[in-house]
Amino acid sequence: MDGLVYDILDTPIGPLLLTGGRRGLRAIDFPHDGRPAMPAVGIARDAGPLAAAAQQLREYFAGERCAFALSGLALDLQGTPFQIEVWTALLQIPHACTISYGELAQRLGRPNASRAVGAANGANPVPIIVPCHRVIGANGSLTGFGGGLPIKRWLLDHERRHAPRPPLQLVP
């Protein structure tokens, strides 16, 4: 299967299934009913090629990482050119910040494409690292998320709790 391997990473939101290979991380799948997603038939468990992704995710969940170091983490994103464009734009949303689907469409220069942006967002194969959870409804409401809305809320709350704070300024 294209040299793919998998590993399962225990996290505060449940066990994540990581899938990838020599070209990088291809997918992160959320647990279902508290159990890890199942890897495709014929894929062997091998943490080695996924070690960098697993380590950065551990640091994220520990509150030690606010940005994923993509220079040290290869992603093997499989999607249409439009999906890749949307996923690349998601990488520009700062930690602990949110934007609406319409705002993301505006940033892409496609102001009438908020539904298409939403569909591409929903097809994101590497959530958390490509932060699709940071996209919300125009009215500020949480909307669809592959891991479910409770996990989306948990991720946003986690980022706000661990957001870097500016240093205190002492007043003379």
C-alpha atoms as a PDB file:
ATOM      1  CA  MET A   1       0.000   0.000   0.000  1.00  0.00           C
ATOM      2  CA  ASP A   2       2.440   2.644  -1.159  1.00  0.00           C
ATOM      3  CA  GLY A   3       4.791   1.917   1.769  1.00  0.00           C
ATOM      4  CA  LEU A   4       2.289   3.233   4.319  1.00  0.00           C
ATOM      5  CA  VAL A   5       2.577   2.495   8.023  1.00  0.00           C
ATOM      6  CA  TYR A   6       0.556   3.511  11.037  1.00  0.00           C
ATOM      7  CA  ASP A   7       0.921   4.235  14.711  1.00  0.00           C
ATOM      8  CA  ILE A   8      -1.532   5.021  17.482  1.00  0.00           C
ATOM      9  CA  LEU A   9      -0.865   7.998  19.721  1.00  0.00           C
ATOM     10  CA  ASP A  10      -2.602   8.256  23.092  1.00  0.00           C
ATOM     11  CA  THR A  11      -3.825  11.813  23.676  1.00  0.00           C
ATOM     12  CA  PRO A  12      -6.208  13.642  26.038  1.00  0.00           C
ATOM     13  CA  ILE A  13      -8.889  13.486  23.306  1.00  0.00           C
ATOM     14  CA  GLY A  14      -8.440   9.766  22.792  1.00  0.00           C
ATOM     15  CA  PRO A  15      -6.186   7.570  20.664  1.00  0.00           C
ATOM     16  CA  LEU A  16      -5.242   9.131  17.325  1.00  0.00           C
ATOM     17  CA  LEU A  17      -4.429   6.939  14.337  1.00  0.00           C
ATOM     18  CA  LEU A  18      -1.447   8.364  12.440  1.00  0.00           C
ATOM     19  CA  THR A  19      -0.834   7.074   8.911  1.00  0.00           C
ATOM     20  CA  GLY A  20       2.067   7.927   6.635  1.00  0.00           C
ATOM     21  CA  GLY A  21       5.278   6.731   5.146  1.00  0.00           C
ATOM     22  CA  ARG A  22       8.601   7.830   3.752  1.00  0.00           C
ATOM     23  CA  ARG A  23       7.017  10.899   2.135  1.00  0.00           C
ATOM     24  CA  GLY A  24       5.489  12.059   5.409  1.00  0.00           C
ATOM     25  CA  LEU A  25       2.351  12.067   7.514  1.00  0.00           C
ATOM     26  CA  ARG A  26      -0.704  11.399   5.369  1.00  0.00           C
ATOM     27  CA  ALA A  27      -3.583  11.213   7.845  1.00  0.00           C
ATOM     28  CA  ILE A  28      -4.681  11.688  11.437  1.00  0.00           C
ATOM     29  CA  ASP A  29      -7.904   9.920  12.346  1.00  0.00           C
ATOM     30  CA  PHE A  30      -9.891  10.586  15.488  1.00  0.00           C
ATOM     31  CA  PRO A  31     -11.147   7.865  17.830  1.00  0.00           C
ATOM     32  CA  HIS A  32     -14.645   6.471  17.525  1.00  0.00           C
ATOM     33  CA  ASP A  33     -16.462   5.713  20.776  1.00  0.00           C
ATOM     34  CA  GLY A  34     -13.156   6.052  22.654  1.00  0.00           C
ATOM     35  CA  ARG A  35     -11.404   3.468  20.471  1.00  0.00           C
ATOM     36  CA  PRO A  36      -8.796   4.272  17.841  1.00  0.00           C
ATOM     37  CA  ALA A  37      -9.799   4.320  14.206  1.00  0.00           C
ATOM     38  CA  MET A  38      -8.741   1.159  12.411  1.00  0.00           C
ATOM     39  CA  PRO A  39      -5.846   1.263   9.933  1.00  0.00           C
ATOM     40  CA  ALA A  40      -6.417   0.072   6.391  1.00  0.00           C
ATOM     41  CA  VAL A  41      -5.882  -3.626   5.806  1.00  0.00           C
ATOM     42  CA  GLY A  42      -2.307  -4.461   4.920  1.00  0.00           C
ATOM     43  CA  ILE A  43      -0.680  -1.495   6.655  1.00  0.00           C
ATOM     44  CA  ALA A  44       1.909  -2.428   9.286  1.00  0.00           C
ATOM     45  CA  ARG A  45       2.400  -0.668  12.596  1.00  0.00           C
ATOM     46  CA  ASP A  46       5.725   1.172  12.574  1.00  0.00           C
ATOM     47  CA  ALA A  47       6.263   4.267  14.693  1.00  0.00           C
ATOM     48  CA  GLY A  48       9.601   5.148  13.079  1.00  0.00           C
ATOM     49  CA  PRO A  49       8.435   7.137  10.032  1.00  0.00           C
ATOM     50  CA  LEU A  50       5.784   8.863  12.160  1.00  0.00           C
ATOM     51  CA  ALA A  51       8.028   9.691  15.130  1.00  0.00           C
ATOM     52  CA  ALA A  52       8.418  13.404  14.334  1.00  0.00           C
ATOM     53  CA  ALA A  53       4.655  13.873  13.956  1.00  0.00           C
ATOM     54  CA  ALA A  54       3.968  11.921  17.148  1.00  0.00           C
ATOM     55  CA  GLN A  55       6.530  13.945  19.111  1.00  0.00           C
ATOM     56  CA  GLN A  56       5.165  17.298  17.941  1.00  0.00           C
ATOM     57  CA  LEU A  57       1.620  16.182  18.733  1.00  0.00           C
ATOM     58  CA  ARG A  58       2.713  15.077  22.228  1.00  0.00           C
ATOM     59  CA  GLU A  59       4.251  18.525  22.764  1.00  0.00           C
ATOM     60  CA  TYR A  60       1.064  20.199  21.490  1.00  0.00           C
ATOM     61  CA  PHE A  61      -1.134  18.222  23.873  1.00  0.00           C
ATOM     62  CA  ALA A  62       1.256  18.927  26.763  1.00  0.00           C
ATOM     63  CA  GLY A  63       0.841  22.656  26.082  1.00  0.00           C
ATOM     64  CA  GLU A  64       4.505  22.989  25.090  1.00  0.00           C
ATOM     65  CA  ARG A  65       3.965  23.601  21.360  1.00  0.00           C
ATOM     66  CA  CYS A  66       1.894  26.370  19.777  1.00  0.00           C
ATOM     67  CA  ALA A  67       3.105  25.893  16.212  1.00  0.00           C
ATOM     68  CA  PHE A  68       4.036  22.754  14.350  1.00  0.00           C
ATOM     69  CA  ALA A  69       7.530  22.863  12.853  1.00  0.00           C
ATOM     70  CA  LEU A  70       6.743  21.822   9.310  1.00  0.00           C
ATOM     71  CA  SER A  71      10.413  22.064   8.400  1.00  0.00           C
ATOM     72  CA  GLY A  72      10.933  19.007  10.603  1.00  0.00           C
ATOM     73  CA  LEU A  73       7.618  17.363   9.811  1.00  0.00           C
ATOM     74  CA  ALA A  74       6.909  16.185   6.287  1.00  0.00           C
ATOM     75  CA  LEU A  75       3.262  16.113   5.246  1.00  0.00           C
ATOM     76  CA  ASP A  76       2.065  13.907   2.397  1.00  0.00           C
ATOM     77  CA  LEU A  77      -1.207  15.695   1.678  1.00  0.00           C
ATOM     78  CA  GLN A  78      -3.425  13.983  -0.886  1.00  0.00           C
ATOM     79  CA  GLY A  79      -6.070  16.291  -2.356  1.00  0.00           C
ATOM     80  CA  THR A  80      -7.195  18.458  -5.238  1.00  0.00           C
ATOM     81  CA  PRO A  81      -5.337  21.688  -5.994  1.00  0.00           C
ATOM     82  CA  PHE A  82      -8.190  23.651  -4.372  1.00  0.00           C
ATOM     83  CA  GLN A  83      -8.102  21.490  -1.237  1.00  0.00           C
ATOM     84  CA  ILE A  84      -4.324  21.928  -0.972  1.00  0.00           C
ATOM     85  CA  GLU A  85      -4.816  25.696  -1.355  1.00  0.00           C
ATOM     86  CA  VAL A  86      -7.345  25.721   1.508  1.00  0.00           C
ATOM     87  CA  TRP A  87      -5.190  23.483   3.724  1.00  0.00           C
ATOM     88  CA  THR A  88      -2.186  25.731   3.104  1.00  0.00           C
ATOM     89  CA  ALA A  89      -4.279  28.751   4.129  1.00  0.00           C
ATOM     90  CA  LEU A  90      -5.324  26.943   7.326  1.00  0.00           C
ATOM     91  CA  LEU A  91      -1.659  26.798   8.316  1.00  0.00           C
ATOM     92  CA  GLN A  92      -1.667  30.607   8.478  1.00  0.00           C
ATOM     93  CA  ILE A  93      -4.329  30.789  11.214  1.00  0.00           C
ATOM     94  CA  PRO A  94      -2.463  31.579  14.440  1.00  0.00           C
ATOM     95  CA  HIS A  95      -2.626  29.346  17.495  1.00  0.00           C
ATOM     96  CA  ALA A  96      -5.683  30.042  19.677  1.00  0.00           C
ATOM     97  CA  CYS A  97      -7.340  32.177  16.960  1.00  0.00           C
ATOM     98  CA  THR A  98     -10.427  31.432  14.909  1.00  0.00           C
ATOM     99  CA  ILE A  99     -11.837  32.679  11.621  1.00  0.00           C
ATOM    100  CA  SER A 100     -15.049  32.006   9.725  1.00  0.00           C
ATOM    101  CA  TYR A 101     -15.393  30.013   6.526  1.00  0.00           C
ATOM    102  CA  GLY A 102     -16.333  33.239   4.739  1.00  0.00           C
ATOM    103  CA  GLU A 103     -13.243  35.002   6.062  1.00  0.00           C
ATOM    104  CA  LEU A 104     -11.079  32.112   4.889  1.00  0.00           C
ATOM    105  CA  ALA A 105     -12.701  32.290   1.455  1.00  0.00           C
ATOM    106  CA  GLN A 106     -11.926  36.037   1.376  1.00  0.00           C
ATOM    107  CA  ARG A 107      -8.277  35.356   2.249  1.00  0.00           C
ATOM    108  CA  LEU A 108      -8.114  32.948  -0.682  1.00  0.00           C
ATOM    109  CA  GLY A 109      -9.495  35.621  -3.011  1.00  0.00           C
ATOM    110  CA  ARG A 110     -12.703  33.603  -3.495  1.00  0.00           C
ATOM    111  CA  PRO A 111     -15.327  35.559  -1.557  1.00  0.00           C
ATOM    112  CA  ASN A 112     -18.237  33.466  -2.863  1.00  0.00           C
ATOM    113  CA  ALA A 113     -16.642  30.104  -2.117  1.00  0.00           C
ATOM    114  CA  SER A 114     -17.334  29.713   1.601  1.00  0.00           C
ATOM    115  CA  ARG A 115     -19.213  26.430   1.048  1.00  0.00           C
ATOM    116  CA  ALA A 116     -16.397  25.022  -1.091  1.00  0.00           C
ATOM    117  CA  VAL A 117     -13.913  26.180   1.534  1.00  0.00           C
ATOM    118  CA  GLY A 118     -16.010  24.398   4.164  1.00  0.00           C
ATOM    119  CA  ALA A 119     -15.997  21.187   2.122  1.00  0.00           C
ATOM    120  CA  ALA A 120     -12.216  21.362   1.651  1.00  0.00           C
ATOM    121  CA  ASN A 121     -11.808  22.123   5.348  1.00  0.00           C
ATOM    122  CA  GLY A 122     -13.877  19.048   6.175  1.00  0.00           C
ATOM    123  CA  ALA A 123     -11.695  16.893   3.914  1.00  0.00           C
ATOM    124  CA  ASN A 124      -8.483  17.910   5.699  1.00  0.00           C
ATOM    125  CA  PRO A 125      -6.592  14.644   6.271  1.00  0.00           C
ATOM    126  CA  VAL A 126      -4.263  15.936   9.007  1.00  0.00           C
ATOM    127  CA  PRO A 127      -6.421  17.837  11.506  1.00  0.00           C
ATOM    128  CA  ILE A 128      -4.747  19.537  14.445  1.00  0.00           C
ATOM    129  CA  ILE A 129      -1.469  19.990  12.523  1.00  0.00           C
ATOM    130  CA  VAL A 130      -3.389  21.643   9.676  1.00  0.00           C
ATOM    131  CA  PRO A 131      -5.735  23.456  12.073  1.00  0.00           C
ATOM    132  CA  CYS A 132      -9.184  23.058  10.546  1.00  0.00           C
ATOM    133  CA  HIS A 133     -10.620  23.228  14.073  1.00  0.00           C
ATOM    134  CA  ARG A 134      -9.879  26.966  14.053  1.00  0.00           C
ATOM    135  CA  VAL A 135     -12.563  27.635  11.417  1.00  0.00           C
ATOM    136  CA  ILE A 136     -15.987  28.456  12.833  1.00  0.00           C
ATOM    137  CA  GLY A 137     -19.367  29.712  11.661  1.00  0.00           C
ATOM    138  CA  ALA A 138     -19.876  33.353  10.709  1.00  0.00           C
ATOM    139  CA  ASN A 139     -21.877  33.891  13.904  1.00  0.00           C
ATOM    140  CA  GLY A 140     -19.079  32.446  16.059  1.00  0.00           C
ATOM    141  CA  SER A 141     -20.721  29.062  16.494  1.00  0.00           C
ATOM    142  CA  LEU A 142     -18.832  25.804  16.289  1.00  0.00           C
ATOM    143  CA  THR A 143     -19.713  23.938  13.142  1.00  0.00           C
ATOM    144  CA  GLY A 144     -18.851  20.528  11.711  1.00  0.00           C
ATOM    145  CA  PHE A 145     -15.650  18.775  12.657  1.00  0.00           C
ATOM    146  CA  GLY A 146     -14.487  15.257  11.814  1.00  0.00           C
ATOM    147  CA  GLY A 147     -13.671  14.497  15.425  1.00  0.00           C
ATOM    148  CA  GLY A 148     -17.008  15.870  16.642  1.00  0.00           C
ATOM    149  CA  LEU A 149     -17.848  19.218  18.180  1.00  0.00           C
ATOM    150  CA  PRO A 150     -16.772  18.250  21.737  1.00  0.00           C
ATOM    151  CA  ILE A 151     -13.240  17.576  20.438  1.00  0.00           C
ATOM    152  CA  LYS A 152     -13.263  20.812  18.436  1.00  0.00           C
ATOM    153  CA  ARG A 153     -14.255  22.710  21.604  1.00  0.00           C
ATOM    154  CA  TRP A 154     -11.566  20.876  23.587  1.00  0.00           C
ATOM    155  CA  LEU A 155      -8.866  21.804  21.035  1.00  0.00           C
ATOM    156  CA  LEU A 156      -9.876  25.479  20.970  1.00  0.00           C
ATOM    157  CA  ASP A 157     -10.043  25.670  24.773  1.00  0.00           C
ATOM    158  CA  HIS A 158      -6.676  23.875  25.039  1.00  0.00           C
ATOM    159  CA  GLU A 159      -5.061  26.391  22.682  1.00  0.00           C
ATOM    160  CA  ARG A 160      -6.482  29.334  24.589  1.00  0.00           C
ATOM    161  CA  ARG A 161      -5.216  27.900  27.889  1.00  0.00           C
ATOM    162  CA  HIS A 162      -1.730  27.452  26.465  1.00  0.00           C
ATOM    163  CA  ALA A 163      -1.514  30.526  24.242  1.00  0.00           C
ATOM    164  CA  PRO A 164       1.676  32.504  24.712  1.00  0.00           C
ATOM    165  CA  ARG A 165       1.100  35.543  26.824  1.00  0.00           C
ATOM    166  CA  PRO A 166       3.017  38.753  26.369  1.00  0.00           C
ATOM    167  CA  PRO A 167       5.557  39.419  29.125  1.00  0.00           C
ATOM    168  CA  LEU A 168       4.358  41.607  31.960  1.00  0.00           C
ATOM    169  CA  GLN A 169       5.356  45.227  31.637  1.00  0.00           C
ATOM    170  CA  LEU A 170       6.545  46.808  34.848  1.00  0.00           C
ATOM    171  CA  VAL A 171       5.360  50.365  35.268  1.00  0.00           C
ATOM    172  CA  PRO A 172       8.068  52.667  36.709  1.00  0.00           C
END
